[in-house]
Amino acid sequence: MGDYRFVDFPSNLSLDMHASAGARMRLGMKTRQFKQVANQPKDRYFELLAEGLEAIAINCRSLDASATSLFEDRRWQAAELLHRLAEEEAGKFLVLLDAVRLGRADQPRQARQLNRAGEHLAKGLYAVAAGIRPDRYAELLAFLESRRQDLYLDGPNDADWIFRNEVLHGREELLYVDLVDAEGELIWFSPSRFDTVGVSGTPSAVSLVLALAASHLHLPPGLRIVESVWAGFVPNPSTRYQILAERIDETVEQLVANDLLTADFSSVHHRIVRESWPFPLHHADLAPIPVDESELRQQREAVLRSAMGLDLEP
């Protein structure tokens, strides 16, 4: 895979990217201003997005390489943590790219979509979407709905314990030692438990982002093609994967026709993009779903009683 570089940008766009390692966020700087991209003139819109997508791709590649090295050294907790961070960055890349697929005709929706780049759950759901292969859009929405629940049941009987939203809290478990009230029992949870077995691997979303970046699709000319090819494409629940694949193929064909693809983009990259670039989610509800804990406890009790045969008639 070729190196990622800043290309075709005016010199003033990448000054901050080349700042010294000791640079700090200065007073007055406002973070997570993604929605402001929607207000930029067209040329600046593509340039600003491209610069950010390039930086995210570089970060994903660096985190993935470091995680792989740590995994090979059997430092599994650290490897898993870096892969989680890379996965979240990949989700951010896909959120921003989906803003381009949305187009700019609906400015309020465009701003809301861009703002998702600063929302942990939205980024996590985009990353999740890159790892599944639904036949229809409805299947993807149903799967993501299960990942939007504030609380959920799981365990050997599918209802043994109550868990917090994994997309939101999975990273915390890798970062912090915490004292947890496990339904009346106080238990210390330590990230060191992730060091007992090696399970880390490059997340699907990270592989997808690196493949997309290898196509140069994320640079200004490529983003213009994305906006054109995907204009007006809003899937409905019955939309099948084949319709999605046709748009992906057309995007790649247009990149070829405009001489944007290079030897960096291999057949493996093409396969990853075709299989993993998910349906657009810019019209989907990605907000967390509140869950009543008391109702969840009642549901759990009913499932467990049934599993033990306690609700059966004598």
Protein backbone atom coordinates (compact mmCIF):
# COMPACT_ATOMS: atom_id res chain seq x y z
CA MET A 1 0.00 0.00 0.00
CA GLY A 2 1.42 3.37 -0.95
CA ASP A 3 2.22 6.22 1.42
CA TYR A 4 -0.47 8.80 2.07
CA ARG A 5 0.51 12.37 1.35
CA PHE A 6 -1.12 15.78 1.17
CA VAL A 7 -1.50 16.47 -2.52
CA ASP A 8 -3.05 19.20 -4.62
CA PHE A 9 -3.81 21.37 -1.59
CA PRO A 10 -3.03 25.09 -1.34
CA SER A 11 -0.02 25.52 0.94
CA ASN A 12 -1.99 27.29 3.67
CA LEU A 13 -4.29 24.27 4.17
CA SER A 14 -1.69 21.95 5.64
CA LEU A 15 0.27 24.31 7.88
CA ASP A 16 -1.22 22.93 11.09
CA MET A 17 -0.59 19.37 9.94
CA HIS A 18 3.13 20.10 9.86
CA ALA A 19 3.21 21.83 13.25
CA SER A 20 5.91 20.75 15.67
CA ALA A 21 5.29 17.82 17.98
CA GLY A 22 5.21 20.22 20.92
CA ALA A 23 2.28 22.24 19.56
CA ARG A 24 -0.71 22.60 21.89
CA MET A 25 -4.35 23.54 21.49
CA ARG A 26 -4.46 27.29 22.11
CA LEU A 27 -7.04 29.19 24.13
CA GLY A 28 -9.89 30.24 21.87
CA MET A 29 -9.65 27.24 19.59
CA LYS A 30 -12.96 25.40 19.32
CA THR A 31 -12.87 21.65 18.82
CA ARG A 32 -15.28 19.36 16.93
CA GLN A 33 -16.40 22.06 14.49
CA PHE A 34 -17.25 19.56 11.78
CA LYS A 35 -20.63 21.05 10.90
CA GLN A 36 -18.94 24.30 9.83
CA VAL A 37 -17.73 22.49 6.72
CA ALA A 38 -21.31 22.67 5.41
CA ASN A 39 -21.11 26.48 5.23
CA GLN A 40 -17.98 26.61 3.07
CA PRO A 41 -17.96 27.62 -0.61
CA LYS A 42 -17.92 24.59 -2.90
CA ASP A 43 -14.19 24.50 -3.65
CA ARG A 44 -13.27 25.12 -0.02
CA TYR A 45 -15.81 22.49 1.05
CA PHE A 46 -14.03 19.77 -0.91
CA GLU A 47 -10.55 20.99 0.03
CA LEU A 48 -11.35 21.12 3.74
CA LEU A 49 -12.99 17.71 3.77
CA ALA A 50 -10.15 16.19 1.76
CA GLU A 51 -7.55 17.53 4.15
CA GLY A 52 -9.40 16.04 7.10
CA LEU A 53 -10.00 12.69 5.41
CA GLU A 54 -6.33 12.49 4.48
CA ALA A 55 -5.29 13.18 8.07
CA ILE A 56 -7.73 10.58 9.39
CA ALA A 57 -6.47 7.97 6.93
CA ILE A 58 -2.89 8.64 8.00
CA ASN A 59 -3.90 8.32 11.65
CA CYS A 60 -5.75 5.04 10.99
CA ARG A 61 -2.76 3.62 9.20
CA SER A 62 -0.36 4.66 11.98
CA LEU A 63 -2.57 3.29 14.77
CA ASP A 64 -3.11 0.03 12.90
CA ALA A 65 0.61 -0.44 12.29
CA SER A 66 1.41 0.24 15.96
CA ALA A 67 -1.35 -2.12 17.10
CA THR A 68 -0.06 -4.87 14.83
CA SER A 69 3.47 -4.44 16.19
CA LEU A 70 2.21 -4.58 19.79
CA PHE A 71 0.16 -7.68 19.00
CA GLU A 72 3.20 -9.43 17.58
CA ASP A 73 5.01 -8.58 20.84
CA ARG A 74 2.11 -10.22 22.72
CA ARG A 75 1.12 -6.89 24.29
CA TRP A 76 -2.50 -7.64 23.62
CA GLN A 77 -4.24 -5.03 25.76
CA ALA A 78 -2.30 -2.18 24.17
CA ALA A 79 -2.86 -3.65 20.71
CA GLU A 80 -6.60 -3.92 21.25
CA LEU A 81 -6.77 -0.36 22.60
CA LEU A 82 -5.01 1.10 19.56
CA HIS A 83 -7.22 -0.89 17.24
CA ARG A 84 -10.32 0.46 19.02
CA LEU A 85 -9.00 4.00 18.56
CA ALA A 86 -8.23 3.30 14.90
CA GLU A 87 -11.73 1.91 14.46
CA GLU A 88 -13.28 5.06 15.91
CA GLU A 89 -11.20 7.21 13.58
CA ALA A 90 -12.32 5.02 10.68
CA GLY A 91 -15.91 5.64 11.72
CA LYS A 92 -15.22 9.36 11.58
CA PHE A 93 -13.85 9.00 8.05
CA LEU A 94 -16.99 7.14 6.94
CA VAL A 95 -19.27 9.72 8.57
CA LEU A 96 -17.58 12.55 6.67
CA LEU A 97 -17.56 10.61 3.42
CA ASP A 98 -21.27 9.95 3.87
CA ALA A 99 -21.80 13.71 4.05
CA VAL A 100 -20.40 13.85 0.52
CA ARG A 101 -22.67 11.01 -0.62
CA LEU A 102 -25.58 12.98 0.87
CA GLY A 103 -24.81 16.09 -1.15
CA ARG A 104 -25.30 19.69 -0.10
CA ALA A 105 -28.82 20.43 -1.29
CA ASP A 106 -30.25 19.84 2.20
CA GLN A 107 -28.00 22.07 4.30
CA PRO A 108 -29.55 21.30 7.72
CA ARG A 109 -29.20 17.54 7.14
CA GLN A 110 -25.69 18.05 5.79
CA ALA A 111 -24.70 19.93 8.96
CA ARG A 112 -26.25 17.22 11.17
CA GLN A 113 -24.38 14.53 9.25
CA LEU A 114 -21.06 16.34 9.56
CA ASN A 115 -21.68 16.84 13.26
CA ARG A 116 -21.82 13.07 13.71
CA ALA A 117 -18.04 13.05 13.24
CA GLY A 118 -17.85 14.24 16.84
CA GLU A 119 -20.36 11.73 18.24
CA HIS A 120 -18.92 8.52 19.68
CA LEU A 121 -22.02 6.41 19.05
CA ALA A 122 -22.44 7.51 15.43
CA LYS A 123 -18.79 6.85 14.64
CA GLY A 124 -19.00 3.48 16.33
CA LEU A 125 -22.12 2.51 14.39
CA TYR A 126 -20.49 3.43 11.08
CA ALA A 127 -17.54 1.23 12.04
CA VAL A 128 -19.92 -1.60 12.95
CA ALA A 129 -21.72 -1.21 9.61
CA ALA A 130 -18.46 -1.80 7.75
CA GLY A 131 -18.13 -5.21 9.36
CA ILE A 132 -21.44 -6.79 8.34
CA ARG A 133 -22.84 -7.89 4.97
CA PRO A 134 -26.60 -7.27 4.93
CA ASP A 135 -28.58 -8.24 1.86
CA ARG A 136 -31.06 -5.41 2.41
CA TYR A 137 -30.90 -1.98 3.99
CA ALA A 138 -33.57 -3.03 6.52
CA GLU A 139 -31.22 -5.72 7.85
CA LEU A 140 -28.50 -3.14 8.46
CA LEU A 141 -30.90 -0.81 10.27
CA ALA A 142 -32.17 -3.65 12.46
CA PHE A 143 -28.63 -4.68 13.38
CA LEU A 144 -27.62 -1.10 14.21
CA GLU A 145 -30.78 -0.63 16.29
CA SER A 146 -29.59 -3.44 18.56
CA ARG A 147 -26.31 -1.54 18.99
CA ARG A 148 -28.08 1.71 19.87
CA GLN A 149 -29.66 0.38 23.08
CA ASP A 150 -28.43 2.06 26.27
CA LEU A 151 -28.65 -1.31 28.04
CA TYR A 152 -29.07 -4.84 26.75
CA LEU A 153 -29.27 -8.44 27.94
CA ASP A 154 -26.70 -11.11 27.12
CA GLY A 155 -25.12 -14.25 28.51
CA PRO A 156 -25.36 -18.05 28.10
CA ASN A 157 -29.17 -17.80 28.03
CA ASP A 158 -29.10 -14.49 26.11
CA ALA A 159 -30.53 -12.76 29.19
CA ASP A 160 -28.28 -13.59 32.16
CA TRP A 161 -26.77 -10.15 32.69
CA ILE A 162 -27.42 -6.51 31.89
CA PHE A 163 -24.71 -4.75 29.91
CA ARG A 164 -24.09 -1.14 28.99
CA ASN A 165 -23.94 -0.08 25.35
CA GLU A 166 -20.80 -1.75 24.02
CA VAL A 167 -20.18 0.80 21.26
CA LEU A 168 -20.05 3.62 23.80
CA HIS A 169 -18.34 1.88 26.70
CA GLY A 170 -16.08 -0.70 25.08
CA ARG A 171 -13.16 1.72 24.81
CA GLU A 172 -13.43 2.75 28.48
CA GLU A 173 -12.92 -0.87 29.53
CA LEU A 174 -9.59 -0.85 27.72
CA LEU A 175 -8.46 2.43 29.27
CA TYR A 176 -9.46 2.58 32.92
CA VAL A 177 -9.55 0.55 36.11
CA ASP A 178 -13.08 0.99 37.45
CA LEU A 179 -15.13 -0.05 40.48
CA VAL A 180 -18.39 -1.49 39.20
CA ASP A 181 -21.64 -2.13 41.05
CA ALA A 182 -22.64 -5.45 39.49
CA GLU A 183 -26.24 -5.56 40.71
CA GLY A 184 -25.29 -5.15 44.35
CA GLU A 185 -21.81 -6.68 44.21
CA LEU A 186 -18.80 -4.33 43.99
CA ILE A 187 -16.17 -5.58 41.53
CA TRP A 188 -12.96 -4.00 40.31
CA PHE A 189 -12.63 -4.18 36.54
CA SER A 190 -9.13 -3.82 35.10
CA PRO A 191 -8.00 -3.48 31.47
CA SER A 192 -5.32 -6.06 32.28
CA ARG A 193 -7.88 -8.80 31.63
CA PHE A 194 -7.46 -8.06 27.92
CA ASP A 195 -3.82 -9.13 28.19
CA THR A 196 -4.69 -12.76 28.87
CA VAL A 197 -5.40 -13.69 25.26
CA GLY A 198 -4.56 -12.24 21.86
CA VAL A 199 -7.69 -11.35 19.93
CA SER A 200 -6.72 -8.11 18.23
CA GLY A 201 -6.84 -7.75 14.46
CA THR A 202 -7.27 -4.92 11.97
CA PRO A 203 -10.94 -3.86 12.25
CA SER A 204 -13.03 -4.07 9.08
CA ALA A 205 -13.68 -0.31 9.16
CA VAL A 206 -9.95 0.43 9.26
CA SER A 207 -9.26 -1.90 6.33
CA LEU A 208 -12.05 -0.16 4.43
CA VAL A 209 -10.71 3.34 5.11
CA LEU A 210 -7.19 2.36 4.03
CA ALA A 211 -8.61 0.85 0.84
CA LEU A 212 -10.69 3.96 0.11
CA ALA A 213 -7.68 6.17 0.73
CA ALA A 214 -5.57 4.04 -1.62
CA SER A 215 -8.12 4.86 -4.35
CA HIS A 216 -7.58 8.64 -3.84
CA LEU A 217 -11.36 8.90 -3.64
CA HIS A 218 -10.95 11.10 -0.55
CA LEU A 219 -9.07 13.87 -2.38
CA PRO A 220 -10.96 16.84 -3.93
CA PRO A 221 -11.39 15.39 -7.45
CA GLY A 222 -12.51 12.06 -6.00
CA LEU A 223 -14.97 13.71 -3.62
CA ARG A 224 -16.56 15.54 -6.54
CA ILE A 225 -17.06 12.19 -8.24
CA VAL A 226 -18.57 10.71 -5.08
CA GLU A 227 -21.01 13.59 -4.78
CA SER A 228 -22.04 13.21 -8.43
CA VAL A 229 -22.39 9.41 -8.50
CA TRP A 230 -24.31 9.16 -5.23
CA ALA A 231 -26.58 12.18 -5.79
CA GLY A 232 -30.15 11.35 -4.79
CA PHE A 233 -29.34 7.85 -3.54
CA VAL A 234 -31.37 7.34 -0.37
CA PRO A 235 -31.94 3.63 0.31
CA ASN A 236 -35.31 2.38 1.50
CA PRO A 237 -35.74 -0.69 3.71
CA SER A 238 -36.08 -3.01 0.70
CA THR A 239 -33.00 -1.71 -1.15
CA ARG A 240 -30.71 -4.66 -1.80
CA TYR A 241 -26.94 -4.88 -1.65
CA GLN A 242 -26.74 -5.28 -5.43
CA ILE A 243 -28.06 -1.74 -5.92
CA LEU A 244 -25.43 -0.46 -3.49
CA ALA A 245 -22.71 -2.43 -5.29
CA GLU A 246 -23.69 -0.87 -8.62
CA ARG A 247 -23.10 2.63 -7.19
CA ILE A 248 -19.76 1.53 -5.75
CA ASP A 249 -18.73 0.07 -9.12
CA GLU A 250 -19.78 3.27 -10.90
CA THR A 251 -17.70 5.30 -8.43
CA VAL A 252 -14.61 3.21 -9.16
CA GLU A 253 -15.25 3.41 -12.91
CA GLN A 254 -15.41 7.20 -12.70
CA LEU A 255 -12.16 7.28 -10.72
CA VAL A 256 -10.56 5.24 -13.50
CA ALA A 257 -12.03 7.44 -16.22
CA ASN A 258 -10.59 10.53 -14.54
CA ASP A 259 -7.13 8.97 -14.05
CA LEU A 260 -7.35 9.11 -10.26
CA LEU A 261 -6.56 5.46 -9.59
CA THR A 262 -2.91 4.49 -9.38
CA ALA A 263 -0.99 1.28 -8.73
CA ASP A 264 -1.60 1.94 -5.02
CA PHE A 265 -5.16 0.68 -5.52
CA SER A 266 -4.98 -3.10 -5.81
CA SER A 267 -7.59 -5.73 -6.57
CA VAL A 268 -7.65 -6.47 -2.84
CA HIS A 269 -8.52 -2.84 -2.12
CA HIS A 270 -11.27 -2.98 -4.74
CA ARG A 271 -12.76 -6.09 -3.14
CA ILE A 272 -12.68 -4.53 0.34
CA VAL A 273 -14.41 -1.36 -0.87
CA ARG A 274 -17.07 -3.33 -2.74
CA GLU A 275 -17.79 -5.64 0.19
CA SER A 276 -17.42 -3.27 3.15
CA TRP A 277 -18.52 0.25 2.13
CA PRO A 278 -21.91 0.27 3.82
CA PHE A 279 -25.23 1.67 2.73
CA PRO A 280 -25.46 5.44 3.27
CA LEU A 281 -26.65 6.16 6.80
CA HIS A 282 -27.19 9.90 6.48
CA HIS A 283 -30.98 9.43 6.69
CA ALA A 284 -30.85 6.78 9.43
CA ASP A 285 -31.56 7.43 13.11
CA LEU A 286 -28.29 6.77 14.97
CA ALA A 287 -29.30 8.27 18.33
CA PRO A 288 -29.04 6.16 21.49
CA ILE A 289 -32.22 4.32 22.49
CA PRO A 290 -33.10 4.73 26.19
CA VAL A 291 -33.87 1.44 27.95
CA ASP A 292 -35.75 1.14 31.25
CA GLU A 293 -33.56 -0.97 33.54
CA SER A 294 -36.47 -2.22 35.63
CA GLU A 295 -38.27 -3.47 32.52
CA LEU A 296 -35.07 -5.16 31.38
CA ARG A 297 -34.81 -6.93 34.75
CA GLN A 298 -38.37 -8.19 34.41
CA GLN A 299 -37.63 -9.41 30.91
CA ARG A 300 -34.52 -11.19 32.15
CA GLU A 301 -36.42 -12.88 34.98
CA ALA A 302 -39.09 -14.13 32.57
CA VAL A 303 -36.48 -15.55 30.18
CA LEU A 304 -34.52 -17.28 32.94
CA ARG A 305 -37.64 -18.72 34.58
CA SER A 306 -38.71 -20.08 31.24
CA ALA A 307 -35.23 -21.53 30.62
CA MET A 308 -35.43 -23.37 33.97
CA GLY A 309 -38.96 -24.58 33.28
CA LEU A 310 -40.44 -22.64 36.19
CA ASP A 311 -43.24 -21.18 34.08
CA LEU A 312 -44.39 -24.50 32.71
CA GLU A 313 -47.73 -25.90 33.81
CA PRO A 314 -47.45 -28.99 36.08
